[in-house]
Amino acid sequence: MTEMVRKITLSRAVRTMQYLFPLEYNFYPRSWILPDESSFFEKEIRMMKDRDPSWKPTFIVKPDGGCQGDGIYLIKDPSDIRLTGGLQSRPAVVQEYICKPLLVDKLKFDIRLYVLLKSLEPLEIYIAKDGLSRFCTEPYQEPTLKNLHQVFMHLTNYSLNIHSGNFIHSDNVNTGSKRTFSSILCRLSSKGVDVKKVWSDIISLVIKTIIALTPELKVYYQSDIPAGKPGPTCFQILGFDILLMKNLKPMLLEVNANPSMRIEHEQELSPGVFENVPSPVDEEVKVAVIRDTLRLVDPQKQKKKDIQRFRLVPMCASTFPVQTLLPITIEKWHLYKFAEQRSQTLEHVSDAKEELLDAGPPDRLEHDANKNTEAGLPSLCLKQVFPKYAKQFNYLRLVDRVAALFIRFLGVKGTTKLGPTGFRTFIRNCKLSNSNFSMASVDILYIDITRRWNSMGIDHKESGMCWQAFVEAFFCLAQKKYKSLPLHEQVASLIDFCEYHLAVLDEKRLVCGRGIVERRNALVTCQTDGLQLIPAAHTSLLNRMATASKLADYRNHQY
């Protein structure tokens, strides 16, 4: 997950979706990846300025592996990037800077929302009902050459602004340099803003972003998690950083895989002497997120099963020698307790999922969840948004289906790259080669795209076609086959085409496998009924049947 939300990987994932659904993914600023796209970036900006001489953009450069505002700076012209140097050793993303943000008290601010990705397959997403609003500490002005360097005016990062002399620590969630997002919504609502529309747009942004990330995440997942293992096996709390524009349109800034969960801040008592002071704003938001994440991951809706079904023997001094009592009671007991909790979670996962799918409005969901939780706990602060709103967004999950094709032909368990044989098998099994697109052309396509992506520094630990390269190849094949359609219809049509031919192939293999088993059983029946077969005459037949049976078993295992 950490790799997936790095600035370059996130930009590539969202860009793929922007190619398919440009209107649905217009919440992410136009981005270029450096140094790979440096010349393209300069050329494109030059062309846009030629078309509109009055256009005076500002760009923000973000190092790929940077965090907490480290290395971020603003520029007015692409040529300014060269002044910084070090791009080869530290790749970056450059984006159009959002010059007209919504201001509160003349200050720019962003929103940190906490999102729980509870399960990947099936996809389950929850959003915290409250978040943090993090403010700049100098009044905002649109970027000029004179104020580009003023980070306290343009960058909302808490880790930067806390060093400003204007930063205000407050015990009130409605004031200060860090406030609750709900306090901002209340303020907007008092001015007549439709805050339900704002929330709806934010939820849509979150779901669409995760839909963009999940295909590649599944490729990594299958390489680490054994096939057929019951799920969900893992979860993640993500930190979404969102900026509201002046027209209240939410824009995605970035996603954090490991958002800070600190609920205190340092306060300087005297020069060089600090102490940790509780932060009421952080505590109100973050404690609820952690608490309810644990409640959702293991709902504890039924009483714990009798520990005897794990065949545990009471651990007492009379059962074990004194010298073995300590390791048994501590180590084995924790193992058994973990097994018990894991078993209960697996038993109730399907029940919990069905409840969520059938749930009505959020109030009813919270009420139903609370009936089975520990007495005295407050209502859930995490609101389920997927699969609750799946019908509205499932049409966007085209690339998920492409990922399923990619994973099917990877072959070796644990790999994340497709070899040339796997790619040829994909083309052949999906009936994509013809007189106009020979297997020689397939090899050329594979080599060209794979070589280009590998030259960008995409994971050299193993050879072959990476996931991003396969997506490009798939889009290329779709454009060749369905020339007159828009790109998303081309891709959807090719997916349907591939899935159909693979389903036919699977059915043939199933029928073939059944036939071999039936013929084998028939021969055994004949022998037991006294019909004597001459070994010399039928040895070749039996050998061919055994070979065919092994081949069918191998193919079923492989696919």
Protein backbone atom coordinates (compact mmCIF):
# COMPACT_ATOMS: atom_id res chain seq x y z
CA MET A 1 0.00 0.00 0.00
CA THR A 2 2.85 2.38 0.77
CA GLU A 3 4.18 1.85 -2.75
CA MET A 4 0.73 2.27 -4.29
CA VAL A 5 0.13 5.75 -2.87
CA ARG A 6 3.54 7.19 -3.67
CA LYS A 7 3.01 10.30 -5.74
CA ILE A 8 4.18 8.80 -9.05
CA THR A 9 2.24 5.54 -8.67
CA LEU A 10 -0.92 7.39 -7.61
CA SER A 11 -0.59 9.80 -10.54
CA ARG A 12 -0.19 6.92 -13.00
CA ALA A 13 -3.18 5.05 -11.59
CA VAL A 14 -5.44 8.11 -11.71
CA ARG A 15 -4.16 9.05 -15.17
CA THR A 16 -5.16 5.63 -16.48
CA MET A 17 -8.69 6.29 -15.24
CA GLN A 18 -8.61 9.81 -16.68
CA TYR A 19 -7.93 8.29 -20.11
CA LEU A 20 -11.02 6.11 -19.74
CA PHE A 21 -13.33 8.47 -17.83
CA PRO A 22 -12.01 12.04 -18.10
CA LEU A 23 -15.09 13.73 -16.63
CA GLU A 24 -15.39 11.36 -13.66
CA TYR A 25 -11.70 11.82 -12.74
CA ASN A 26 -11.35 15.59 -13.10
CA PHE A 27 -10.76 15.92 -9.34
CA TYR A 28 -7.02 15.32 -9.69
CA PRO A 29 -4.78 18.14 -11.01
CA ARG A 30 -3.04 17.64 -14.34
CA SER A 31 0.27 15.92 -13.55
CA TRP A 32 3.59 15.10 -15.18
CA ILE A 33 6.20 12.62 -13.96
CA LEU A 34 9.80 13.79 -13.72
CA PRO A 35 12.33 13.15 -15.14
CA ASP A 36 10.62 10.75 -17.60
CA GLU A 37 8.22 13.38 -18.92
CA SER A 38 10.31 16.53 -18.50
CA SER A 39 10.55 17.33 -22.22
CA PHE A 40 6.89 16.47 -22.76
CA PHE A 41 5.93 18.74 -19.84
CA GLU A 42 7.88 21.69 -21.27
CA LYS A 43 6.50 21.14 -24.78
CA GLU A 44 2.87 20.86 -23.62
CA ILE A 45 3.03 24.00 -21.46
CA ARG A 46 4.64 25.93 -24.31
CA MET A 47 1.86 24.89 -26.68
CA MET A 48 -0.85 25.86 -24.17
CA LYS A 49 0.72 29.28 -23.62
CA ASP A 50 0.91 29.82 -27.38
CA ARG A 51 -2.79 29.10 -27.68
CA ASP A 52 -3.66 31.38 -24.75
CA PRO A 53 -1.00 34.06 -24.06
CA SER A 54 -3.00 35.33 -21.06
CA TRP A 55 -2.64 31.98 -19.27
CA LYS A 56 -0.12 32.33 -16.43
CA PRO A 57 -0.06 29.02 -14.56
CA THR A 58 1.71 28.04 -11.39
CA PHE A 59 3.05 24.54 -10.81
CA ILE A 60 3.88 22.62 -7.65
CA VAL A 61 6.73 20.09 -7.62
CA LYS A 62 6.45 17.18 -5.18
CA PRO A 63 9.26 14.62 -4.68
CA ASP A 64 7.97 11.07 -5.17
CA GLY A 65 9.08 9.76 -1.80
CA GLY A 66 8.63 13.01 0.11
CA CYS A 67 6.40 13.43 3.13
CA GLN A 68 5.41 16.16 5.57
CA GLY A 69 6.04 18.84 2.93
CA ASP A 70 9.69 17.85 2.46
CA GLY A 71 11.12 19.09 -0.85
CA ILE A 72 7.91 20.69 -2.17
CA TYR A 73 8.25 23.99 -4.03
CA LEU A 74 6.34 26.18 -6.51
CA ILE A 75 7.45 27.35 -9.98
CA LYS A 76 6.02 29.58 -12.67
CA ASP A 77 7.88 28.10 -15.65
CA PRO A 78 8.97 24.53 -16.53
CA SER A 79 12.54 25.67 -17.06
CA ASP A 80 12.78 26.49 -13.33
CA ILE A 81 12.85 22.78 -12.51
CA ARG A 82 16.35 22.49 -13.88
CA LEU A 83 17.63 24.87 -11.22
CA THR A 84 16.92 22.34 -8.47
CA GLY A 85 18.94 19.44 -9.90
CA GLY A 86 18.93 15.90 -8.57
CA LEU A 87 15.83 14.73 -10.47
CA GLN A 88 17.53 11.53 -11.60
CA SER A 89 18.23 10.53 -8.01
CA ARG A 90 14.91 11.87 -6.68
CA PRO A 91 11.99 11.55 -9.13
CA ALA A 92 9.04 13.87 -8.65
CA VAL A 93 5.56 14.77 -9.79
CA VAL A 94 4.77 18.26 -11.05
CA GLN A 95 1.14 19.41 -10.99
CA GLU A 96 -0.91 22.44 -11.81
CA TYR A 97 -1.20 24.47 -8.63
CA ILE A 98 -4.77 25.19 -7.50
CA CYS A 99 -4.74 28.98 -7.35
CA LYS A 100 -8.30 29.60 -6.16
CA PRO A 101 -8.86 27.57 -2.97
CA LEU A 102 -11.70 28.11 -0.54
CA LEU A 103 -10.52 30.41 2.26
CA VAL A 104 -11.62 30.56 5.89
CA ASP A 105 -10.50 33.61 7.86
CA LYS A 106 -8.44 34.55 4.75
CA LEU A 107 -6.37 31.37 5.22
CA LYS A 108 -5.91 28.42 2.90
CA PHE A 109 -6.64 25.00 4.43
CA ASP A 110 -6.90 21.37 3.42
CA ILE A 111 -8.88 18.42 4.78
CA ARG A 112 -7.42 15.20 6.17
CA LEU A 113 -10.04 12.46 5.96
CA TYR A 114 -9.50 8.95 7.30
CA VAL A 115 -10.61 6.10 5.06
CA LEU A 116 -10.71 2.44 6.06
CA LEU A 117 -10.05 -0.04 3.27
CA LYS A 118 -11.51 -3.02 5.13
CA SER A 119 -11.32 -5.58 2.37
CA LEU A 120 -9.95 -5.78 -1.16
CA GLU A 121 -11.98 -8.72 -2.42
CA PRO A 122 -14.82 -7.98 -1.98
CA LEU A 123 -14.11 -4.26 -1.92
CA GLU A 124 -15.25 -2.58 1.31
CA ILE A 125 -14.63 1.10 2.02
CA TYR A 126 -15.53 3.20 5.07
CA ILE A 127 -15.09 6.95 5.56
CA ALA A 128 -14.79 8.69 8.92
CA LYS A 129 -17.65 11.13 9.45
CA ASP A 130 -15.25 13.78 10.71
CA GLY A 131 -11.75 14.79 9.75
CA LEU A 132 -9.15 17.46 10.35
CA SER A 133 -8.89 20.89 8.73
CA ARG A 134 -5.26 22.04 8.66
CA PHE A 135 -4.62 25.72 8.09
CA CYS A 136 -1.82 27.77 6.66
CA THR A 137 -0.51 30.42 9.02
CA GLU A 138 -0.21 33.41 6.67
CA PRO A 139 -3.09 35.07 4.75
CA TYR A 140 -3.41 33.63 1.26
CA GLN A 141 -2.55 35.48 -1.93
CA GLU A 142 -2.49 34.03 -5.42
CA PRO A 143 1.03 32.95 -6.41
CA THR A 144 3.42 35.54 -7.79
CA LEU A 145 7.14 35.50 -8.34
CA LYS A 146 7.50 37.42 -5.07
CA ASN A 147 5.53 35.03 -2.82
CA LEU A 148 6.24 31.61 -4.37
CA HIS A 149 8.71 30.80 -1.60
CA GLN A 150 6.30 31.59 1.27
CA VAL A 151 5.48 28.07 2.40
CA PHE A 152 3.30 29.20 5.32
CA MET A 153 0.99 30.84 2.78
CA HIS A 154 0.80 28.10 0.14
CA LEU A 155 1.47 24.74 1.84
CA THR A 156 -1.04 23.37 4.34
CA ASN A 157 1.22 20.66 5.79
CA TYR A 158 0.92 20.59 9.58
CA SER A 159 4.59 19.57 9.94
CA LEU A 160 5.61 22.81 8.19
CA ASN A 161 3.16 25.27 9.69
CA ILE A 162 3.77 24.14 13.26
CA HIS A 163 7.12 25.92 13.01
CA SER A 164 5.43 29.22 12.16
CA GLY A 165 5.18 31.86 14.86
CA ASN A 166 1.54 32.32 13.86
CA PHE A 167 0.56 28.70 14.52
CA ILE A 168 -2.25 28.51 17.09
CA HIS A 169 -2.73 25.46 19.32
CA SER A 170 -6.31 25.52 20.52
CA ASP A 171 -8.34 23.53 23.03
CA ASN A 172 -11.43 24.35 20.94
CA VAL A 173 -12.18 22.22 17.88
CA ASN A 174 -13.68 25.30 16.15
CA THR A 175 -10.62 27.56 16.32
CA GLY A 176 -6.87 27.46 15.88
CA SER A 177 -4.59 26.23 13.10
CA LYS A 178 -6.04 22.71 13.28
CA ARG A 179 -9.80 22.23 13.56
CA THR A 180 -12.36 19.53 12.95
CA PHE A 181 -13.79 19.37 9.44
CA SER A 182 -17.29 19.28 10.93
CA SER A 183 -16.70 22.76 12.39
CA ILE A 184 -15.89 24.04 8.88
CA LEU A 185 -19.03 22.41 7.48
CA CYS A 186 -21.14 24.05 10.20
CA ARG A 187 -19.66 27.38 9.30
CA LEU A 188 -20.34 26.84 5.59
CA SER A 189 -23.86 25.65 6.33
CA SER A 190 -24.58 28.86 8.24
CA LYS A 191 -23.70 30.74 5.05
CA GLY A 192 -26.18 28.74 2.98
CA VAL A 193 -23.79 26.19 1.49
CA ASP A 194 -25.26 22.78 0.63
CA VAL A 195 -22.92 20.71 2.83
CA LYS A 196 -24.65 17.46 1.84
CA LYS A 197 -23.52 18.12 -1.74
CA VAL A 198 -19.97 18.80 -0.51
CA TRP A 199 -19.94 15.48 1.41
CA SER A 200 -21.41 13.63 -1.56
CA ASP A 201 -18.65 14.95 -3.84
CA ILE A 202 -15.97 13.98 -1.30
CA ILE A 203 -17.36 10.44 -0.98
CA SER A 204 -17.39 10.13 -4.76
CA LEU A 205 -13.76 11.29 -4.91
CA VAL A 206 -12.67 8.72 -2.31
CA ILE A 207 -14.45 5.79 -3.98
CA LYS A 208 -13.12 6.69 -7.43
CA THR A 209 -9.57 7.04 -6.11
CA ILE A 210 -9.63 3.62 -4.46
CA ILE A 211 -11.15 2.10 -7.61
CA ALA A 212 -8.13 3.51 -9.47
CA LEU A 213 -5.69 1.96 -6.96
CA THR A 214 -7.20 -1.50 -6.46
CA PRO A 215 -6.18 -3.18 -9.78
CA GLU A 216 -2.45 -2.87 -9.15
CA LEU A 217 -2.97 -3.54 -5.46
CA LYS A 218 -4.58 -6.87 -6.40
CA VAL A 219 -1.49 -7.78 -8.44
CA TYR A 220 0.68 -7.27 -5.34
CA TYR A 221 -1.90 -8.99 -3.14
CA GLN A 222 -1.93 -12.22 -5.16
CA SER A 223 1.86 -12.41 -5.00
CA ASP A 224 1.85 -12.27 -1.18
CA ILE A 225 -1.39 -13.93 -0.04
CA PRO A 226 -1.81 -17.68 -0.75
CA ALA A 227 -4.53 -18.50 -3.27
CA GLY A 228 -7.79 -19.64 -1.70
CA LYS A 229 -6.98 -18.23 1.73
CA PRO A 230 -10.19 -16.95 3.33
CA GLY A 231 -10.37 -13.20 3.54
CA PRO A 232 -10.24 -10.47 4.35
CA THR A 233 -6.66 -11.01 5.52
CA CYS A 234 -5.61 -7.39 5.94
CA PHE A 235 -6.90 -3.82 6.14
CA GLN A 236 -5.51 -0.30 5.91
CA ILE A 237 -6.35 3.14 7.28
CA LEU A 238 -5.59 5.73 4.61
CA GLY A 239 -5.24 9.49 5.00
CA PHE A 240 -6.83 11.42 2.12
CA ASP A 241 -5.66 15.01 1.73
CA ILE A 242 -8.35 17.03 -0.05
CA LEU A 243 -8.56 20.71 -0.99
CA LEU A 244 -11.85 22.54 -1.48
CA MET A 245 -11.77 25.04 -4.33
CA LYS A 246 -13.51 28.38 -4.15
CA ASN A 247 -16.49 26.84 -5.99
CA LEU A 248 -16.53 24.03 -3.34
CA LYS A 249 -15.30 21.37 -5.77
CA PRO A 250 -13.05 18.89 -3.85
CA MET A 251 -9.61 18.19 -5.36
CA LEU A 252 -7.39 15.29 -4.35
CA LEU A 253 -3.92 16.37 -3.24
CA GLU A 254 -2.47 13.02 -2.17
CA VAL A 255 -3.13 9.80 -0.25
CA ASN A 256 -1.08 8.67 2.76
CA ALA A 257 -0.67 4.99 3.54
CA ASN A 258 0.46 5.63 7.13
CA PRO A 259 -1.25 8.80 8.35
CA SER A 260 -0.11 10.14 11.70
CA MET A 261 -2.23 8.97 14.63
CA ARG A 262 -0.59 11.19 17.25
CA ILE A 263 -3.07 12.82 19.62
CA GLU A 264 -0.62 15.21 21.23
CA HIS A 265 1.78 17.95 20.21
CA GLU A 266 5.06 19.28 21.51
CA GLN A 267 4.99 22.51 23.47
CA GLU A 268 8.14 24.48 24.28
CA LEU A 269 8.23 25.30 27.99
CA SER A 270 11.56 27.08 27.81
CA PRO A 271 14.32 27.31 25.19
CA GLY A 272 15.14 23.73 24.22
CA VAL A 273 12.73 22.20 26.75
CA PHE A 274 9.58 20.55 25.33
CA GLU A 275 6.73 18.50 26.69
CA ASN A 276 3.92 16.57 25.03
CA VAL A 277 0.53 18.24 25.41
CA PRO A 278 -2.79 16.55 24.55
CA SER A 279 -4.48 17.80 21.37
CA PRO A 280 -8.30 17.78 21.80
CA VAL A 281 -8.86 18.09 18.02
CA ASP A 282 -6.65 15.10 17.18
CA GLU A 283 -8.07 13.05 20.02
CA GLU A 284 -11.68 13.63 19.01
CA VAL A 285 -11.10 12.45 15.43
CA LYS A 286 -8.33 9.85 15.63
CA VAL A 287 -9.38 7.86 18.71
CA ALA A 288 -12.79 7.25 17.13
CA VAL A 289 -11.16 6.10 13.85
CA ILE A 290 -8.89 3.56 15.58
CA ARG A 291 -11.62 2.33 17.95
CA ASP A 292 -14.19 1.78 15.21
CA THR A 293 -11.69 0.24 12.81
CA LEU A 294 -11.06 -2.48 15.38
CA ARG A 295 -14.80 -2.89 15.92
CA LEU A 296 -15.38 -3.37 12.20
CA VAL A 297 -12.46 -5.71 11.59
CA ASP A 298 -13.72 -8.00 14.38
CA PRO A 299 -17.36 -7.08 15.16
CA GLN A 300 -17.65 -9.47 18.17
CA LYS A 301 -21.36 -9.88 17.48
CA GLN A 302 -21.64 -13.23 19.22
CA LYS A 303 -20.30 -14.56 22.46
CA LYS A 304 -16.95 -16.24 22.25
CA LYS A 305 -17.05 -19.93 21.49
CA ASP A 306 -16.17 -22.40 24.19
CA ILE A 307 -12.41 -22.58 24.21
CA GLN A 308 -12.69 -26.36 24.57
CA ARG A 309 -13.46 -26.74 20.87
CA PHE A 310 -9.80 -25.94 20.28
CA ARG A 311 -9.00 -28.93 22.51
CA LEU A 312 -7.22 -26.86 25.08
CA VAL A 313 -6.25 -28.47 28.36
CA PRO A 314 -6.49 -26.29 31.50
CA MET A 315 -3.02 -24.95 32.11
CA CYS A 316 -2.17 -25.51 35.73
CA ALA A 317 0.88 -26.50 37.72
CA SER A 318 -0.34 -30.07 38.09
CA THR A 319 -0.53 -30.50 34.29
CA PHE A 320 2.94 -29.29 33.29
CA PRO A 321 6.36 -29.39 34.93
CA VAL A 322 7.32 -26.14 36.62
CA GLN A 323 10.10 -25.43 34.13
CA THR A 324 7.66 -25.62 31.16
CA LEU A 325 4.73 -23.80 32.72
CA LEU A 326 5.83 -20.27 31.79
CA PRO A 327 6.43 -20.78 28.03
CA ILE A 328 3.23 -22.81 27.65
CA THR A 329 0.97 -20.34 29.41
CA ILE A 330 2.35 -17.32 27.58
CA GLU A 331 3.31 -18.48 24.08
CA LYS A 332 0.85 -21.29 23.38
CA TRP A 333 -2.03 -19.58 25.09
CA HIS A 334 -1.61 -16.49 22.88
CA LEU A 335 -1.45 -18.71 19.81
CA TYR A 336 -4.66 -20.46 20.79
CA LYS A 337 -6.38 -17.16 21.59
CA PHE A 338 -5.30 -15.76 18.23
CA ALA A 339 -6.72 -18.86 16.51
CA GLU A 340 -9.98 -18.46 18.38
CA GLN A 341 -10.37 -14.79 17.45
CA ARG A 342 -9.39 -15.49 13.84
CA SER A 343 -11.96 -18.28 13.57
CA GLN A 344 -14.71 -16.06 14.95
CA THR A 345 -13.81 -13.29 12.51
CA LEU A 346 -13.97 -15.65 9.52
CA GLU A 347 -17.32 -17.04 10.65
CA HIS A 348 -18.91 -13.63 10.94
CA VAL A 349 -17.36 -11.87 7.93
CA SER A 350 -20.07 -13.06 5.53
CA ASP A 351 -22.84 -12.20 8.00
CA ALA A 352 -21.44 -8.72 8.55
CA LYS A 353 -21.12 -8.19 4.79
CA GLU A 354 -24.74 -9.20 4.18
CA GLU A 355 -25.91 -6.81 6.91
CA LEU A 356 -24.00 -3.93 5.33
CA LEU A 357 -25.31 -4.67 1.84
CA ASP A 358 -28.89 -4.75 3.08
CA ALA A 359 -28.51 -1.75 5.36
CA GLY A 360 -30.68 1.27 4.82
CA PRO A 361 -29.80 4.85 5.77
CA PRO A 362 -26.64 5.48 7.86
CA ASP A 363 -28.68 5.92 11.05
CA ARG A 364 -30.09 2.44 10.72
CA LEU A 365 -26.66 1.02 9.98
CA GLU A 366 -25.25 2.57 13.14
CA HIS A 367 -28.20 1.36 15.21
CA ASP A 368 -27.89 -2.20 13.93
CA ALA A 369 -24.15 -2.23 14.52
CA ASN A 370 -24.52 -0.87 18.03
CA LYS A 371 -26.96 -3.58 19.05
CA ASN A 372 -24.15 -6.13 18.89
CA THR A 373 -21.22 -4.09 20.19
CA GLU A 374 -19.93 -3.69 23.69
CA ALA A 375 -22.23 -1.74 25.97
CA GLY A 376 -21.31 1.89 26.45
CA LEU A 377 -19.41 2.41 23.17
CA PRO A 378 -20.53 5.38 21.06
CA SER A 379 -22.05 4.96 17.60
CA LEU A 380 -19.75 4.16 14.70
CA CYS A 381 -17.89 7.14 13.31
CA LEU A 382 -17.04 5.18 10.15
CA LYS A 383 -19.65 5.24 7.41
CA GLN A 384 -19.72 2.48 4.81
CA VAL A 385 -19.66 3.87 1.26
CA PHE A 386 -18.77 0.73 -0.68
CA PRO A 387 -20.45 -1.65 -1.51
CA LYS A 388 -23.31 0.56 -0.28
CA TYR A 389 -22.99 2.79 -3.35
CA ALA A 390 -21.56 0.08 -5.61
CA LYS A 391 -24.31 0.40 -8.23
CA GLN A 392 -23.29 4.00 -8.88
CA PHE A 393 -19.60 3.22 -9.38
CA ASN A 394 -19.24 -0.35 -10.67
CA TYR A 395 -19.13 0.84 -14.29
CA LEU A 396 -15.74 2.42 -13.46
CA ARG A 397 -14.15 -0.91 -12.50
CA LEU A 398 -12.95 -1.83 -15.99
CA VAL A 399 -9.28 -1.93 -15.04
CA ASP A 400 -10.10 -4.40 -12.24
CA ARG A 401 -11.17 -6.85 -14.94
CA VAL A 402 -7.96 -6.19 -16.88
CA ALA A 403 -6.04 -6.99 -13.68
CA ALA A 404 -7.87 -10.35 -13.43
CA LEU A 405 -6.65 -11.20 -16.95
CA PHE A 406 -3.10 -10.16 -16.08
CA ILE A 407 -3.07 -12.25 -12.89
CA ARG A 408 -4.49 -15.29 -14.69
CA PHE A 409 -1.55 -15.44 -17.11
CA LEU A 410 1.25 -14.63 -14.66
CA GLY A 411 1.86 -18.36 -14.29
CA VAL A 412 4.38 -18.62 -11.45
CA LYS A 413 2.88 -17.89 -8.05
CA GLY A 414 4.43 -14.88 -6.36
CA THR A 415 5.54 -13.04 -9.48
CA THR A 416 4.22 -9.63 -10.51
CA LYS A 417 5.57 -9.56 -14.08
CA LEU A 418 4.34 -11.30 -17.19
CA GLY A 419 6.88 -13.20 -19.26
CA PRO A 420 6.83 -13.41 -23.08
CA THR A 421 5.35 -16.92 -23.01
CA GLY A 422 2.54 -15.78 -20.71
CA PHE A 423 1.77 -12.82 -22.99
CA ARG A 424 1.67 -15.06 -26.08
CA THR A 425 -0.61 -17.48 -24.23
CA PHE A 426 -2.90 -14.58 -23.32
CA ILE A 427 -3.08 -13.52 -27.00
CA ARG A 428 -3.63 -17.08 -28.23
CA ASN A 429 -6.23 -18.11 -25.64
CA CYS A 430 -8.20 -14.89 -26.13
CA LYS A 431 -8.11 -15.29 -29.95
CA LEU A 432 -6.52 -11.88 -30.46
CA SER A 433 -4.10 -12.80 -33.25
CA ASN A 434 -5.21 -12.85 -36.89
CA SER A 435 -3.92 -12.16 -40.38
CA ASN A 436 -3.55 -8.46 -39.56
CA PHE A 437 -1.92 -9.07 -36.19
CA SER A 438 0.46 -12.01 -36.33
CA MET A 439 2.30 -13.60 -33.42
CA ALA A 440 5.45 -11.86 -34.69
CA SER A 441 3.63 -8.55 -34.20
CA VAL A 442 2.65 -9.74 -30.72
CA ASP A 443 6.31 -10.29 -29.84
CA ILE A 444 7.28 -6.85 -31.16
CA LEU A 445 4.51 -5.21 -29.12
CA TYR A 446 5.63 -7.06 -25.99
CA ILE A 447 9.31 -6.16 -26.44
CA ASP A 448 8.72 -2.48 -27.25
CA ILE A 449 6.36 -1.76 -24.36
CA THR A 450 8.25 -3.86 -21.81
CA ARG A 451 11.59 -2.29 -22.71
CA ARG A 452 10.19 1.23 -22.42
CA TRP A 453 8.63 0.64 -19.00
CA ASN A 454 11.74 -1.11 -17.70
CA SER A 455 13.82 1.88 -18.80
CA MET A 456 11.70 4.05 -16.47
CA GLY A 457 13.08 2.18 -13.47
CA ILE A 458 10.00 0.05 -12.78
CA ASP A 459 11.11 -2.72 -10.38
CA HIS A 460 14.16 -4.44 -11.90
CA LYS A 461 14.09 -7.28 -9.34
CA GLU A 462 12.42 -9.57 -11.88
CA SER A 463 12.26 -9.49 -15.67
CA GLY A 464 9.10 -9.29 -17.74
CA MET A 465 6.14 -7.05 -18.44
CA CYS A 466 5.01 -5.05 -15.41
CA TRP A 467 1.36 -4.27 -14.67
CA GLN A 468 1.49 -0.72 -16.11
CA ALA A 469 3.05 -2.04 -19.33
CA PHE A 470 0.30 -4.66 -19.66
CA VAL A 471 -2.36 -1.96 -19.27
CA GLU A 472 -0.74 0.03 -22.08
CA ALA A 473 -0.55 -3.09 -24.27
CA PHE A 474 -4.19 -3.93 -23.54
CA PHE A 475 -5.32 -0.39 -24.45
CA CYS A 476 -3.28 -0.64 -27.65
CA LEU A 477 -4.95 -3.95 -28.58
CA ALA A 478 -8.39 -2.47 -27.82
CA GLN A 479 -7.72 0.51 -30.09
CA LYS A 480 -6.58 -1.79 -32.91
CA LYS A 481 -9.63 -4.01 -32.67
CA TYR A 482 -12.40 -1.43 -32.08
CA LYS A 483 -11.21 1.68 -33.90
CA SER A 484 -14.49 3.59 -34.13
CA LEU A 485 -15.40 3.55 -30.42
CA PRO A 486 -14.37 5.83 -27.52
CA LEU A 487 -11.50 4.42 -25.47
CA HIS A 488 -13.57 3.20 -22.51
CA GLU A 489 -15.92 1.35 -24.91
CA GLN A 490 -12.93 -0.10 -26.78
CA VAL A 491 -11.48 -1.44 -23.53
CA ALA A 492 -14.84 -2.73 -22.28
CA SER A 493 -15.45 -4.51 -25.61
CA LEU A 494 -12.04 -6.16 -25.56
CA ILE A 495 -12.52 -7.29 -21.95
CA ASP A 496 -15.87 -8.87 -22.88
CA PHE A 497 -14.22 -10.53 -25.89
CA CYS A 498 -11.38 -11.98 -23.81
CA GLU A 499 -13.63 -13.12 -20.96
CA TYR A 500 -15.96 -14.87 -23.43
CA HIS A 501 -13.18 -16.85 -25.12
CA LEU A 502 -11.60 -17.78 -21.80
CA ALA A 503 -14.97 -18.98 -20.49
CA VAL A 504 -15.38 -21.15 -23.61
CA LEU A 505 -11.87 -22.50 -23.14
CA ASP A 506 -12.51 -23.30 -19.48
CA GLU A 507 -15.72 -25.13 -20.39
CA LYS A 508 -13.92 -27.22 -23.01
CA ARG A 509 -11.26 -28.19 -20.51
CA LEU A 510 -13.90 -29.11 -17.97
CA VAL A 511 -15.78 -31.28 -20.46
CA CYS A 512 -12.52 -32.86 -21.65
CA GLY A 513 -11.50 -33.64 -18.08
CA ARG A 514 -14.89 -35.24 -17.35
CA GLY A 515 -14.64 -37.34 -20.52
CA ILE A 516 -11.22 -38.67 -19.59
CA VAL A 517 -12.43 -39.63 -16.12
CA GLU A 518 -15.53 -41.34 -17.55
CA ARG A 519 -13.47 -43.36 -20.07
CA ARG A 520 -11.03 -44.36 -17.35
CA ASN A 521 -13.90 -45.51 -15.12
CA ALA A 522 -15.44 -47.45 -18.02
CA LEU A 523 -12.20 -49.38 -18.56
CA VAL A 524 -11.97 -50.23 -14.87
CA THR A 525 -15.60 -51.44 -14.95
CA CYS A 526 -14.89 -53.66 -17.95
CA GLN A 527 -11.96 -55.29 -16.19
CA THR A 528 -13.93 -55.96 -13.00
CA ASP A 529 -16.75 -57.52 -15.07
CA GLY A 530 -14.35 -60.10 -16.47
CA LEU A 531 -13.64 -58.55 -19.86
CA GLN A 532 -9.95 -59.26 -20.42
CA LEU A 533 -7.88 -56.57 -22.17
CA ILE A 534 -4.69 -57.63 -23.90
CA PRO A 535 -1.96 -55.46 -22.33
CA ALA A 536 0.18 -55.32 -25.48
CA ALA A 537 -2.74 -54.11 -27.57
CA HIS A 538 -3.96 -51.44 -25.21
CA THR A 539 -0.81 -50.15 -23.56
CA SER A 540 -0.54 -47.18 -25.95
CA LEU A 541 -4.21 -46.28 -25.41
CA LEU A 542 -3.86 -46.35 -21.64
CA ASN A 543 -0.64 -44.31 -21.79
CA ARG A 544 -2.32 -41.67 -23.95
CA MET A 545 -5.24 -41.48 -21.53
CA ALA A 546 -2.93 -41.12 -18.53
CA THR A 547 -0.95 -38.37 -20.30
CA ALA A 548 -4.16 -36.52 -21.24
CA SER A 549 -5.37 -36.79 -17.66
CA LYS A 550 -2.12 -35.35 -16.30
CA LEU A 551 -2.24 -32.53 -18.86
CA ALA A 552 -5.81 -31.64 -17.87
CA ASP A 553 -4.83 -31.65 -14.18
CA TYR A 554 -1.82 -29.44 -14.94
CA ARG A 555 -3.91 -26.94 -16.89
CA ASN A 556 -6.58 -26.79 -14.22
CA HIS A 557 -3.87 -26.19 -11.62
CA GLN A 558 -2.20 -23.52 -13.76
CA TYR A 559 -5.34 -21.56 -14.58
